[in-house]
Amino acid sequence: MTWEEFKTLFLGQYFGHAQRIRIQSDFLNMKKRDDEGVIEFEQRFTSLSYHVPYLIPDERTRIDMFVGALGGVYADKMVGGIYPTFLDVVTAAMVIETRRTFSARPRDFGGPS
């Protein structure tokens, strides 16, 4: 038995049909919240994706779904980018988050007050 077959059997045994449909819907409709950092969103994305492996057959699909779920400025800057691995796409999103954080801070250039 392969790992994928085991996961399918396990999830079928311990999660009812209605609960699996709810998790699937939550995953397909998830978006990064404004008050949520990239790392927190990645953890939520990964946690839900574990329960719906049939929706993410490969790394490319996982990357595309993650970028789409990030939405907003992240998706605007990342769509069309080349990200060989999921780690690469998460790192790129963290860079955007860091740049946005620093550009939003007021600057104090010193001088007389």
C-alpha atoms as a PDB file:
ATOM      1  CA  MET A   1       0.000   0.000   0.000  1.00  0.00           C
ATOM      2  CA  THR A   2       1.362   3.415  -0.939  1.00  0.00           C
ATOM      3  CA  TRP A   3       1.381   6.408   1.395  1.00  0.00           C
ATOM      4  CA  GLU A   4      -1.292   8.144  -0.712  1.00  0.00           C
ATOM      5  CA  GLU A   5      -3.544   5.075  -0.526  1.00  0.00           C
ATOM      6  CA  PHE A   6      -3.038   4.879   3.228  1.00  0.00           C
ATOM      7  CA  LYS A   7      -3.894   8.566   3.698  1.00  0.00           C
ATOM      8  CA  THR A   8      -7.053   8.183   1.618  1.00  0.00           C
ATOM      9  CA  LEU A   9      -8.179   5.169   3.645  1.00  0.00           C
ATOM     10  CA  PHE A  10      -7.266   6.844   6.935  1.00  0.00           C
ATOM     11  CA  LEU A  11      -9.100  10.059   6.128  1.00  0.00           C
ATOM     12  CA  GLY A  12     -12.126   8.083   4.939  1.00  0.00           C
ATOM     13  CA  GLN A  13     -12.155   6.122   8.196  1.00  0.00           C
ATOM     14  CA  TYR A  14     -11.839   9.044  10.619  1.00  0.00           C
ATOM     15  CA  PHE A  15     -13.514  11.945   8.828  1.00  0.00           C
ATOM     16  CA  GLY A  16     -17.141  11.739   7.746  1.00  0.00           C
ATOM     17  CA  HIS A  17     -18.231  12.764   4.271  1.00  0.00           C
ATOM     18  CA  ALA A  18     -19.730  16.072   5.463  1.00  0.00           C
ATOM     19  CA  GLN A  19     -16.563  16.977   7.344  1.00  0.00           C
ATOM     20  CA  ARG A  20     -14.370  16.149   4.325  1.00  0.00           C
ATOM     21  CA  ILE A  21     -16.574  18.345   2.109  1.00  0.00           C
ATOM     22  CA  ARG A  22     -16.295  21.198   4.644  1.00  0.00           C
ATOM     23  CA  ILE A  23     -12.493  20.875   4.792  1.00  0.00           C
ATOM     24  CA  GLN A  24     -12.330  20.762   0.994  1.00  0.00           C
ATOM     25  CA  SER A  25     -14.476  23.883   0.748  1.00  0.00           C
ATOM     26  CA  ASP A  26     -12.390  25.662   3.403  1.00  0.00           C
ATOM     27  CA  PHE A  27      -9.231  24.826   1.483  1.00  0.00           C
ATOM     28  CA  LEU A  28     -10.535  25.868  -1.933  1.00  0.00           C
ATOM     29  CA  ASN A  29     -11.895  29.168  -0.565  1.00  0.00           C
ATOM     30  CA  MET A  30      -9.063  30.101   1.775  1.00  0.00           C
ATOM     31  CA  LYS A  31      -7.429  33.508   1.453  1.00  0.00           C
ATOM     32  CA  LYS A  32      -4.688  35.161   3.469  1.00  0.00           C
ATOM     33  CA  ARG A  33      -6.235  37.448   6.063  1.00  0.00           C
ATOM     34  CA  ASP A  34      -4.915  41.001   6.432  1.00  0.00           C
ATOM     35  CA  ASP A  35      -3.900  40.349  10.041  1.00  0.00           C
ATOM     36  CA  GLU A  36      -2.095  37.120   9.140  1.00  0.00           C
ATOM     37  CA  GLY A  37       1.603  36.879   8.330  1.00  0.00           C
ATOM     38  CA  VAL A  38       2.948  34.777   5.481  1.00  0.00           C
ATOM     39  CA  ILE A  39       4.286  32.125   7.869  1.00  0.00           C
ATOM     40  CA  GLU A  40       0.954  31.805   9.690  1.00  0.00           C
ATOM     41  CA  PHE A  41      -0.860  31.568   6.366  1.00  0.00           C
ATOM     42  CA  GLU A  42       1.582  28.941   5.072  1.00  0.00           C
ATOM     43  CA  GLN A  43       0.979  26.864   8.210  1.00  0.00           C
ATOM     44  CA  ARG A  44      -2.796  27.089   7.773  1.00  0.00           C
ATOM     45  CA  PHE A  45      -2.492  26.286   4.046  1.00  0.00           C
ATOM     46  CA  THR A  46      -0.263  23.280   4.708  1.00  0.00           C
ATOM     47  CA  SER A  47      -2.456  22.015   7.531  1.00  0.00           C
ATOM     48  CA  LEU A  48      -5.621  22.085   5.420  1.00  0.00           C
ATOM     49  CA  SER A  49      -3.861  20.736   2.324  1.00  0.00           C
ATOM     50  CA  TYR A  50      -2.855  17.641   4.271  1.00  0.00           C
ATOM     51  CA  HIS A  51      -6.544  16.676   4.419  1.00  0.00           C
ATOM     52  CA  VAL A  52      -7.200  17.153   0.694  1.00  0.00           C
ATOM     53  CA  PRO A  53      -4.188  15.572  -1.060  1.00  0.00           C
ATOM     54  CA  TYR A  54      -6.320  14.748  -4.114  1.00  0.00           C
ATOM     55  CA  LEU A  55      -6.640  18.500  -4.816  1.00  0.00           C
ATOM     56  CA  ILE A  56      -2.872  18.945  -4.957  1.00  0.00           C
ATOM     57  CA  PRO A  57      -1.469  16.223  -7.209  1.00  0.00           C
ATOM     58  CA  ASP A  58       1.954  17.842  -7.633  1.00  0.00           C
ATOM     59  CA  GLU A  59       4.296  20.608  -6.481  1.00  0.00           C
ATOM     60  CA  ARG A  60       3.319  22.966  -9.341  1.00  0.00           C
ATOM     61  CA  THR A  61      -0.357  22.804  -8.343  1.00  0.00           C
ATOM     62  CA  ARG A  62       0.542  23.398  -4.700  1.00  0.00           C
ATOM     63  CA  ILE A  63       2.597  26.472  -5.647  1.00  0.00           C
ATOM     64  CA  ASP A  64      -0.135  27.884  -7.909  1.00  0.00           C
ATOM     65  CA  MET A  65      -2.845  27.353  -5.296  1.00  0.00           C
ATOM     66  CA  PHE A  66      -0.706  28.991  -2.606  1.00  0.00           C
ATOM     67  CA  VAL A  67      -0.026  32.085  -4.735  1.00  0.00           C
ATOM     68  CA  GLY A  68      -3.711  32.355  -5.643  1.00  0.00           C
ATOM     69  CA  ALA A  69      -4.759  32.051  -2.013  1.00  0.00           C
ATOM     70  CA  LEU A  70      -2.278  34.737  -0.944  1.00  0.00           C
ATOM     71  CA  GLY A  71      -4.175  37.156  -3.165  1.00  0.00           C
ATOM     72  CA  GLY A  72      -3.768  40.915  -3.210  1.00  0.00           C
ATOM     73  CA  VAL A  73      -0.338  42.468  -3.577  1.00  0.00           C
ATOM     74  CA  TYR A  74       1.333  39.076  -3.181  1.00  0.00           C
ATOM     75  CA  ALA A  75      -0.436  37.476  -6.114  1.00  0.00           C
ATOM     76  CA  ASP A  76       0.017  40.647  -8.192  1.00  0.00           C
ATOM     77  CA  LYS A  77       3.794  40.474  -7.709  1.00  0.00           C
ATOM     78  CA  MET A  78       4.162  36.691  -7.810  1.00  0.00           C
ATOM     79  CA  VAL A  79       1.913  35.458 -10.628  1.00  0.00           C
ATOM     80  CA  GLY A  80       4.092  34.408 -13.529  1.00  0.00           C
ATOM     81  CA  GLY A  81       7.170  34.037 -11.346  1.00  0.00           C
ATOM     82  CA  ILE A  82       9.341  30.955 -11.541  1.00  0.00           C
ATOM     83  CA  TYR A  83       9.324  29.045  -8.267  1.00  0.00           C
ATOM     84  CA  PRO A  84      10.825  25.557  -8.565  1.00  0.00           C
ATOM     85  CA  THR A  85       9.769  24.528  -5.051  1.00  0.00           C
ATOM     86  CA  PHE A  86       7.125  25.390  -2.476  1.00  0.00           C
ATOM     87  CA  LEU A  87       9.890  26.702  -0.219  1.00  0.00           C
ATOM     88  CA  ASP A  88      10.905  29.135  -2.978  1.00  0.00           C
ATOM     89  CA  VAL A  89       7.385  30.545  -3.270  1.00  0.00           C
ATOM     90  CA  VAL A  90       7.016  30.910   0.508  1.00  0.00           C
ATOM     91  CA  THR A  91      10.396  32.663   0.658  1.00  0.00           C
ATOM     92  CA  ALA A  92       9.356  35.055  -2.137  1.00  0.00           C
ATOM     93  CA  ALA A  93       6.138  35.891  -0.262  1.00  0.00           C
ATOM     94  CA  MET A  94       8.141  36.544   2.920  1.00  0.00           C
ATOM     95  CA  VAL A  95      10.422  38.940   1.014  1.00  0.00           C
ATOM     96  CA  ILE A  96       7.379  40.870  -0.234  1.00  0.00           C
ATOM     97  CA  GLU A  97       5.964  40.950   3.297  1.00  0.00           C
ATOM     98  CA  THR A  98       9.259  42.264   4.705  1.00  0.00           C
ATOM     99  CA  ARG A  99       9.536  44.968   2.045  1.00  0.00           C
ATOM    100  CA  ARG A 100       5.953  46.061   2.683  1.00  0.00           C
ATOM    101  CA  THR A 101       6.588  46.209   6.428  1.00  0.00           C
ATOM    102  CA  PHE A 102       9.693  48.365   6.068  1.00  0.00           C
ATOM    103  CA  SER A 103       8.206  50.653   3.416  1.00  0.00           C
ATOM    104  CA  ALA A 104       5.174  51.338   5.627  1.00  0.00           C
ATOM    105  CA  ARG A 105       7.267  52.596   8.554  1.00  0.00           C
ATOM    106  CA  PRO A 106       7.703  56.353   8.912  1.00  0.00           C
ATOM    107  CA  ARG A 107      11.245  57.485   8.354  1.00  0.00           C
ATOM    108  CA  ASP A 108      13.081  59.748  10.754  1.00  0.00           C
ATOM    109  CA  PHE A 109      15.829  61.598   8.943  1.00  0.00           C
ATOM    110  CA  GLY A 110      16.990  63.406  12.053  1.00  0.00           C
ATOM    111  CA  GLY A 111      17.871  67.039  11.991  1.00  0.00           C
ATOM    112  CA  PRO A 112      16.591  69.900  14.115  1.00  0.00           C
ATOM    113  CA  SER A 113      13.184  69.557  15.637  1.00  0.00           C
END
